Amino acid sequence: MNNMTMMEESARRFSDAENMWLWFMQCVRHKTDRGRFMIMGKRIAEPMDIENLITRLYLSGKISRDQIEVLHEFGIRGRAPRQHVYSENKKVPKWQDAIRVITIAASAKGWLEGSAKGYTG
């Protein structure tokens, strides 16, 4: 077993893509607030890995700029948009569609619980 495999096995996977995104945004917020990352617990992916994944999904046309704006807006708030809040309800489908795409990509990389690493692109 090589060092990378041992590191991946000891690092915690994310429960789902929404949890992964909110963790990423929390890392970004800490970097902005304190000038450095304050990563809580060892994770299978670093914040830069998640940023690269989102960038690739955007550049390949799998998620839109509007979806990224919604992800960012609610990532800062630390939660998903709420269907029952009038000012947020139109953003729910954009959030859900983006999270669905991120779920597929992150699962393929083995970053989510119950997923097996298979995709590296």
N, C-alpha and C. Protein backbone atom coordinates (compact mmCIF):
# COMPACT_ATOMS: atom_id res chain seq x y z
N MET A 1 0.86 -1.18 0.00
CA MET A 1 0.00 0.00 0.00
C MET A 1 0.89 1.24 0.00
N ASN A 2 0.69 2.13 -0.95
CA ASN A 2 1.53 3.33 -1.02
C ASN A 2 1.01 4.42 -0.09
N ASN A 3 1.79 5.48 0.06
CA ASN A 3 1.42 6.57 0.98
C ASN A 3 0.12 7.24 0.61
N MET A 4 -0.14 7.45 -0.69
CA MET A 4 -1.37 8.10 -1.13
C MET A 4 -2.58 7.27 -0.75
N THR A 5 -2.50 5.96 -0.96
CA THR A 5 -3.62 5.08 -0.61
C THR A 5 -3.87 5.11 0.90
N MET A 6 -2.80 5.08 1.69
CA MET A 6 -2.97 5.13 3.14
C MET A 6 -3.59 6.45 3.56
N MET A 7 -3.18 7.56 2.94
CA MET A 7 -3.74 8.87 3.28
C MET A 7 -5.22 8.92 2.92
N GLU A 8 -5.59 8.39 1.74
CA GLU A 8 -6.99 8.40 1.33
C GLU A 8 -7.84 7.57 2.27
N GLU A 9 -7.31 6.46 2.76
CA GLU A 9 -8.09 5.60 3.66
C GLU A 9 -8.26 6.24 5.03
N SER A 10 -7.28 7.04 5.48
CA SER A 10 -7.39 7.65 6.81
C SER A 10 -8.19 8.95 6.78
N ALA A 11 -8.37 9.54 5.60
CA ALA A 11 -9.12 10.79 5.48
C ALA A 11 -10.62 10.49 5.40
N ARG A 12 -11.41 11.36 6.00
CA ARG A 12 -12.86 11.18 5.98
C ARG A 12 -13.45 11.64 4.66
N ARG A 13 -14.39 10.86 4.16
CA ARG A 13 -15.14 11.26 2.97
C ARG A 13 -16.28 12.18 3.41
N PHE A 14 -16.82 12.89 2.46
CA PHE A 14 -17.96 13.77 2.73
C PHE A 14 -19.24 12.94 2.68
N SER A 15 -20.22 13.30 3.50
CA SER A 15 -21.48 12.55 3.52
C SER A 15 -22.26 12.73 2.22
N ASP A 16 -22.16 13.91 1.62
CA ASP A 16 -22.82 14.18 0.33
C ASP A 16 -22.19 15.44 -0.28
N ALA A 17 -22.59 15.76 -1.51
CA ALA A 17 -22.01 16.90 -2.22
C ALA A 17 -22.36 18.23 -1.54
N GLU A 18 -23.54 18.33 -0.97
CA GLU A 18 -23.91 19.56 -0.28
C GLU A 18 -23.00 19.80 0.92
N ASN A 19 -22.75 18.74 1.69
CA ASN A 19 -21.84 18.83 2.82
C ASN A 19 -20.44 19.22 2.36
N MET A 20 -19.99 18.65 1.24
CA MET A 20 -18.68 18.96 0.69
C MET A 20 -18.59 20.43 0.30
N TRP A 21 -19.63 20.93 -0.37
CA TRP A 21 -19.64 22.34 -0.79
C TRP A 21 -19.63 23.28 0.41
N LEU A 22 -20.43 22.99 1.41
CA LEU A 22 -20.50 23.87 2.58
C LEU A 22 -19.18 23.85 3.35
N TRP A 23 -18.51 22.69 3.41
CA TRP A 23 -17.19 22.59 4.03
C TRP A 23 -16.19 23.44 3.26
N PHE A 24 -16.23 23.33 1.94
CA PHE A 24 -15.35 24.13 1.09
C PHE A 24 -15.56 25.62 1.34
N MET A 25 -16.80 26.05 1.36
CA MET A 25 -17.09 27.47 1.57
C MET A 25 -16.65 27.92 2.96
N GLN A 26 -16.75 27.05 3.94
CA GLN A 26 -16.28 27.38 5.28
C GLN A 26 -14.76 27.58 5.26
N CYS A 27 -14.05 26.75 4.54
CA CYS A 27 -12.59 26.91 4.39
C CYS A 27 -12.26 28.23 3.70
N VAL A 28 -13.00 28.56 2.67
CA VAL A 28 -12.78 29.82 1.95
C VAL A 28 -13.04 31.00 2.88
N ARG A 29 -14.12 30.91 3.64
CA ARG A 29 -14.47 31.99 4.58
C ARG A 29 -13.36 32.17 5.62
N HIS A 30 -12.83 31.06 6.15
CA HIS A 30 -11.74 31.15 7.14
C HIS A 30 -10.49 31.74 6.52
N LYS A 31 -10.21 31.39 5.28
CA LYS A 31 -9.05 31.95 4.60
C LYS A 31 -9.19 33.46 4.46
N THR A 32 -10.38 33.91 4.09
CA THR A 32 -10.64 35.34 3.92
C THR A 32 -10.60 36.06 5.27
N ASP A 33 -11.21 35.46 6.28
CA ASP A 33 -11.29 36.09 7.59
C ASP A 33 -9.95 36.13 8.33
N ARG A 34 -9.17 35.08 8.19
CA ARG A 34 -7.97 34.96 9.01
C ARG A 34 -6.67 34.92 8.20
N GLY A 35 -6.78 34.95 6.89
CA GLY A 35 -5.58 34.94 6.07
C GLY A 35 -4.96 33.57 5.87
N ARG A 36 -5.61 32.52 6.33
CA ARG A 36 -5.09 31.16 6.13
C ARG A 36 -6.24 30.18 6.27
N PHE A 37 -6.06 28.98 5.73
CA PHE A 37 -7.08 27.95 5.85
C PHE A 37 -7.09 27.37 7.25
N MET A 38 -8.27 27.15 7.76
CA MET A 38 -8.46 26.46 9.03
C MET A 38 -9.29 25.23 8.70
N ILE A 39 -8.64 24.19 8.27
CA ILE A 39 -9.35 23.00 7.82
C ILE A 39 -9.69 22.15 9.03
N MET A 40 -10.98 21.87 9.18
CA MET A 40 -11.47 21.12 10.32
C MET A 40 -11.50 19.63 9.99
N GLY A 41 -10.53 18.90 10.49
CA GLY A 41 -10.48 17.47 10.26
C GLY A 41 -9.88 17.12 8.92
N LYS A 42 -9.25 15.99 8.85
CA LYS A 42 -8.61 15.53 7.62
C LYS A 42 -9.68 15.02 6.67
N ARG A 43 -9.70 15.57 5.48
CA ARG A 43 -10.69 15.20 4.46
C ARG A 43 -10.01 14.57 3.27
N ILE A 44 -10.78 13.84 2.51
CA ILE A 44 -10.25 13.14 1.34
C ILE A 44 -9.86 14.09 0.22
N ALA A 45 -10.43 15.28 0.21
CA ALA A 45 -10.10 16.29 -0.81
C ALA A 45 -9.75 17.60 -0.11
N GLU A 46 -8.80 18.29 -0.65
CA GLU A 46 -8.40 19.61 -0.16
C GLU A 46 -9.31 20.67 -0.79
N PRO A 47 -9.39 21.85 -0.19
CA PRO A 47 -10.21 22.91 -0.79
C PRO A 47 -9.84 23.19 -2.26
N MET A 48 -8.56 23.15 -2.58
CA MET A 48 -8.14 23.40 -3.96
C MET A 48 -8.67 22.31 -4.90
N ASP A 49 -8.76 21.07 -4.43
CA ASP A 49 -9.31 19.99 -5.25
C ASP A 49 -10.77 20.28 -5.61
N ILE A 50 -11.52 20.76 -4.62
CA ILE A 50 -12.93 21.07 -4.85
C ILE A 50 -13.06 22.26 -5.78
N GLU A 51 -12.24 23.27 -5.58
CA GLU A 51 -12.26 24.42 -6.48
C GLU A 51 -11.95 23.99 -7.92
N ASN A 52 -10.97 23.13 -8.09
CA ASN A 52 -10.63 22.63 -9.43
C ASN A 52 -11.77 21.83 -10.04
N LEU A 53 -12.45 21.04 -9.24
CA LEU A 53 -13.59 20.26 -9.72
C LEU A 53 -14.70 21.19 -10.22
N ILE A 54 -15.02 22.21 -9.43
CA ILE A 54 -16.07 23.16 -9.82
C ILE A 54 -15.66 23.90 -11.10
N THR A 55 -14.41 24.29 -11.18
CA THR A 55 -13.91 24.98 -12.38
C THR A 55 -14.06 24.09 -13.61
N ARG A 56 -13.68 22.83 -13.50
CA ARG A 56 -13.81 21.90 -14.64
C ARG A 56 -15.27 21.71 -15.02
N LEU A 57 -16.15 21.61 -14.04
CA LEU A 57 -17.57 21.46 -14.35
C LEU A 57 -18.11 22.70 -15.05
N TYR A 58 -17.67 23.86 -14.63
CA TYR A 58 -18.10 25.11 -15.26
C TYR A 58 -17.56 25.21 -16.69
N LEU A 59 -16.27 24.96 -16.86
CA LEU A 59 -15.65 25.09 -18.18
C LEU A 59 -16.18 24.07 -19.18
N SER A 60 -16.64 22.94 -18.67
CA SER A 60 -17.20 21.91 -19.56
C SER A 60 -18.70 22.14 -19.81
N GLY A 61 -19.27 23.17 -19.19
CA GLY A 61 -20.67 23.51 -19.41
C GLY A 61 -21.65 22.67 -18.61
N LYS A 62 -21.16 21.95 -17.61
CA LYS A 62 -22.04 21.09 -16.81
C LYS A 62 -22.76 21.86 -15.71
N ILE A 63 -22.14 22.97 -15.26
CA ILE A 63 -22.84 23.88 -14.35
C ILE A 63 -22.66 25.30 -14.90
N SER A 64 -23.65 26.14 -14.64
CA SER A 64 -23.66 27.49 -15.19
C SER A 64 -23.13 28.52 -14.19
N ARG A 65 -22.87 29.70 -14.70
CA ARG A 65 -22.45 30.81 -13.84
C ARG A 65 -23.55 31.14 -12.82
N ASP A 66 -24.80 31.11 -13.26
CA ASP A 66 -25.92 31.35 -12.35
C ASP A 66 -25.92 30.34 -11.20
N GLN A 67 -25.67 29.09 -11.52
CA GLN A 67 -25.63 28.06 -10.48
C GLN A 67 -24.47 28.30 -9.52
N ILE A 68 -23.32 28.68 -10.05
CA ILE A 68 -22.17 28.96 -9.18
C ILE A 68 -22.47 30.15 -8.27
N GLU A 69 -23.16 31.15 -8.79
CA GLU A 69 -23.53 32.31 -7.96
C GLU A 69 -24.46 31.89 -6.82
N VAL A 70 -25.40 31.01 -7.10
CA VAL A 70 -26.31 30.51 -6.06
C VAL A 70 -25.52 29.66 -5.06
N LEU A 71 -24.64 28.79 -5.55
CA LEU A 71 -23.81 27.99 -4.65
C LEU A 71 -22.99 28.90 -3.73
N HIS A 72 -22.43 29.93 -4.29
CA HIS A 72 -21.62 30.86 -3.50
C HIS A 72 -22.47 31.62 -2.47
N GLU A 73 -23.58 32.17 -2.94
CA GLU A 73 -24.46 32.95 -2.05
C GLU A 73 -24.89 32.14 -0.83
N PHE A 74 -25.32 30.92 -1.07
CA PHE A 74 -25.82 30.13 0.06
C PHE A 74 -24.71 29.38 0.77
N GLY A 75 -23.59 29.17 0.10
CA GLY A 75 -22.42 28.62 0.77
C GLY A 75 -21.92 29.57 1.84
N ILE A 76 -21.95 30.86 1.55
CA ILE A 76 -21.58 31.89 2.54
C ILE A 76 -22.52 31.82 3.74
N ARG A 77 -23.80 31.56 3.47
CA ARG A 77 -24.80 31.47 4.55
C ARG A 77 -24.71 30.14 5.31
N GLY A 78 -24.02 29.17 4.71
CA GLY A 78 -23.84 27.87 5.36
C GLY A 78 -25.05 26.96 5.25
N ARG A 79 -25.86 27.17 4.22
CA ARG A 79 -27.06 26.35 4.06
C ARG A 79 -27.57 26.42 2.63
N ALA A 80 -28.47 25.51 2.30
CA ALA A 80 -29.13 25.52 0.99
C ALA A 80 -30.25 26.56 0.99
N PRO A 81 -30.63 27.03 -0.20
CA PRO A 81 -31.79 27.93 -0.25
C PRO A 81 -33.06 27.20 0.20
N ARG A 82 -33.98 27.95 0.77
CA ARG A 82 -35.21 27.35 1.31
C ARG A 82 -36.38 27.61 0.38
N GLN A 83 -37.09 26.54 0.06
CA GLN A 83 -38.23 26.60 -0.85
C GLN A 83 -39.33 27.51 -0.31
N HIS A 84 -39.54 27.51 1.00
CA HIS A 84 -40.65 28.26 1.59
C HIS A 84 -40.34 29.75 1.83
N VAL A 85 -39.12 30.18 1.54
CA VAL A 85 -38.76 31.59 1.68
C VAL A 85 -38.89 32.23 0.31
N TYR A 86 -39.79 33.18 0.19
CA TYR A 86 -40.12 33.76 -1.12
C TYR A 86 -38.89 34.25 -1.88
N SER A 87 -38.00 34.94 -1.20
CA SER A 87 -36.82 35.51 -1.88
C SER A 87 -35.80 34.45 -2.28
N GLU A 88 -35.97 33.22 -1.81
CA GLU A 88 -35.01 32.16 -2.11
C GLU A 88 -35.58 31.06 -3.00
N ASN A 89 -36.91 30.96 -3.10
CA ASN A 89 -37.50 29.78 -3.73
C ASN A 89 -37.15 29.60 -5.20
N LYS A 90 -36.85 30.66 -5.93
CA LYS A 90 -36.47 30.52 -7.34
C LYS A 90 -35.03 30.04 -7.50
N LYS A 91 -34.28 30.08 -6.42
CA LYS A 91 -32.89 29.63 -6.47
C LYS A 91 -32.74 28.15 -6.13
N VAL A 92 -33.78 27.56 -5.57
CA VAL A 92 -33.73 26.15 -5.16
C VAL A 92 -33.42 25.23 -6.34
N PRO A 93 -34.10 25.35 -7.50
CA PRO A 93 -33.78 24.45 -8.62
C PRO A 93 -32.33 24.58 -9.11
N LYS A 94 -31.79 25.81 -9.12
CA LYS A 94 -30.40 26.01 -9.54
C LYS A 94 -29.45 25.31 -8.57
N TRP A 95 -29.73 25.43 -7.27
CA TRP A 95 -28.92 24.78 -6.25
C TRP A 95 -28.99 23.26 -6.43
N GLN A 96 -30.20 22.73 -6.53
CA GLN A 96 -30.39 21.29 -6.64
C GLN A 96 -29.73 20.70 -7.89
N ASP A 97 -29.87 21.39 -9.02
CA ASP A 97 -29.25 20.91 -10.26
C ASP A 97 -27.72 20.93 -10.14
N ALA A 98 -27.17 21.99 -9.57
CA ALA A 98 -25.72 22.07 -9.41
C ALA A 98 -25.22 20.98 -8.45
N ILE A 99 -25.91 20.79 -7.35
CA ILE A 99 -25.50 19.77 -6.38
C ILE A 99 -25.58 18.38 -7.01
N ARG A 100 -26.58 18.15 -7.86
CA ARG A 100 -26.70 16.85 -8.55
C ARG A 100 -25.48 16.60 -9.44
N VAL A 101 -25.06 17.60 -10.19
CA VAL A 101 -23.88 17.47 -11.07
C VAL A 101 -22.62 17.27 -10.23
N ILE A 102 -22.48 18.04 -9.16
CA ILE A 102 -21.31 17.91 -8.28
C ILE A 102 -21.29 16.53 -7.63
N THR A 103 -22.45 16.01 -7.27
CA THR A 103 -22.54 14.68 -6.67
C THR A 103 -21.97 13.62 -7.61
N ILE A 104 -22.35 13.69 -8.87
CA ILE A 104 -21.86 12.72 -9.85
C ILE A 104 -20.33 12.80 -9.96
N ALA A 105 -19.81 14.01 -10.10
CA ALA A 105 -18.37 14.20 -10.26
C ALA A 105 -17.59 13.82 -9.00
N ALA A 106 -18.07 14.23 -7.84
CA ALA A 106 -17.37 13.93 -6.58
C ALA A 106 -17.45 12.44 -6.25
N SER A 107 -18.57 11.81 -6.57
CA SER A 107 -18.70 10.37 -6.35
C SER A 107 -17.71 9.60 -7.22
N ALA A 108 -17.58 10.05 -8.46
CA ALA A 108 -16.65 9.39 -9.38
C ALA A 108 -15.21 9.50 -8.88
N LYS A 109 -14.90 10.55 -8.15
CA LYS A 109 -13.56 10.72 -7.59
C LYS A 109 -13.40 9.98 -6.26
N GLY A 110 -14.48 9.44 -5.72
CA GLY A 110 -14.41 8.72 -4.46
C GLY A 110 -14.42 9.61 -3.24
N TRP A 111 -14.90 10.84 -3.39
CA TRP A 111 -14.89 11.79 -2.29
C TRP A 111 -16.11 11.68 -1.38
N LEU A 112 -17.16 11.02 -1.83
CA LEU A 112 -18.39 10.94 -1.04
C LEU A 112 -18.53 9.55 -0.43
N GLU A 113 -19.15 9.51 0.74
CA GLU A 113 -19.39 8.21 1.38
C GLU A 113 -20.18 7.31 0.45
N GLY A 114 -19.79 6.06 0.39
CA GLY A 114 -20.49 5.10 -0.45
C GLY A 114 -20.05 5.13 -1.90
N SER A 115 -19.06 5.96 -2.22
CA SER A 115 -18.59 6.02 -3.61
C SER A 115 -17.22 5.35 -3.70
N ALA A 116 -16.94 4.85 -4.88
CA ALA A 116 -15.65 4.23 -5.15
C ALA A 116 -14.93 5.08 -6.18
N LYS A 117 -13.66 5.30 -5.97
CA LYS A 117 -12.90 6.12 -6.90
C LYS A 117 -12.81 5.41 -8.25
N GLY A 118 -13.16 6.14 -9.30
CA GLY A 118 -13.11 5.56 -10.61
C GLY A 118 -12.81 6.57 -11.70
N TYR A 119 -13.17 7.81 -11.45
CA TYR A 119 -13.00 8.86 -12.45
C TYR A 119 -11.93 9.82 -11.96
N THR A 120 -11.00 10.18 -12.82
CA THR A 120 -9.92 11.08 -12.41
C THR A 120 -9.87 12.34 -13.24
N GLY A 121 -10.80 12.52 -14.17
CA GLY A 121 -10.72 13.67 -15.07
C GLY A 121 -11.33 14.91 -14.60
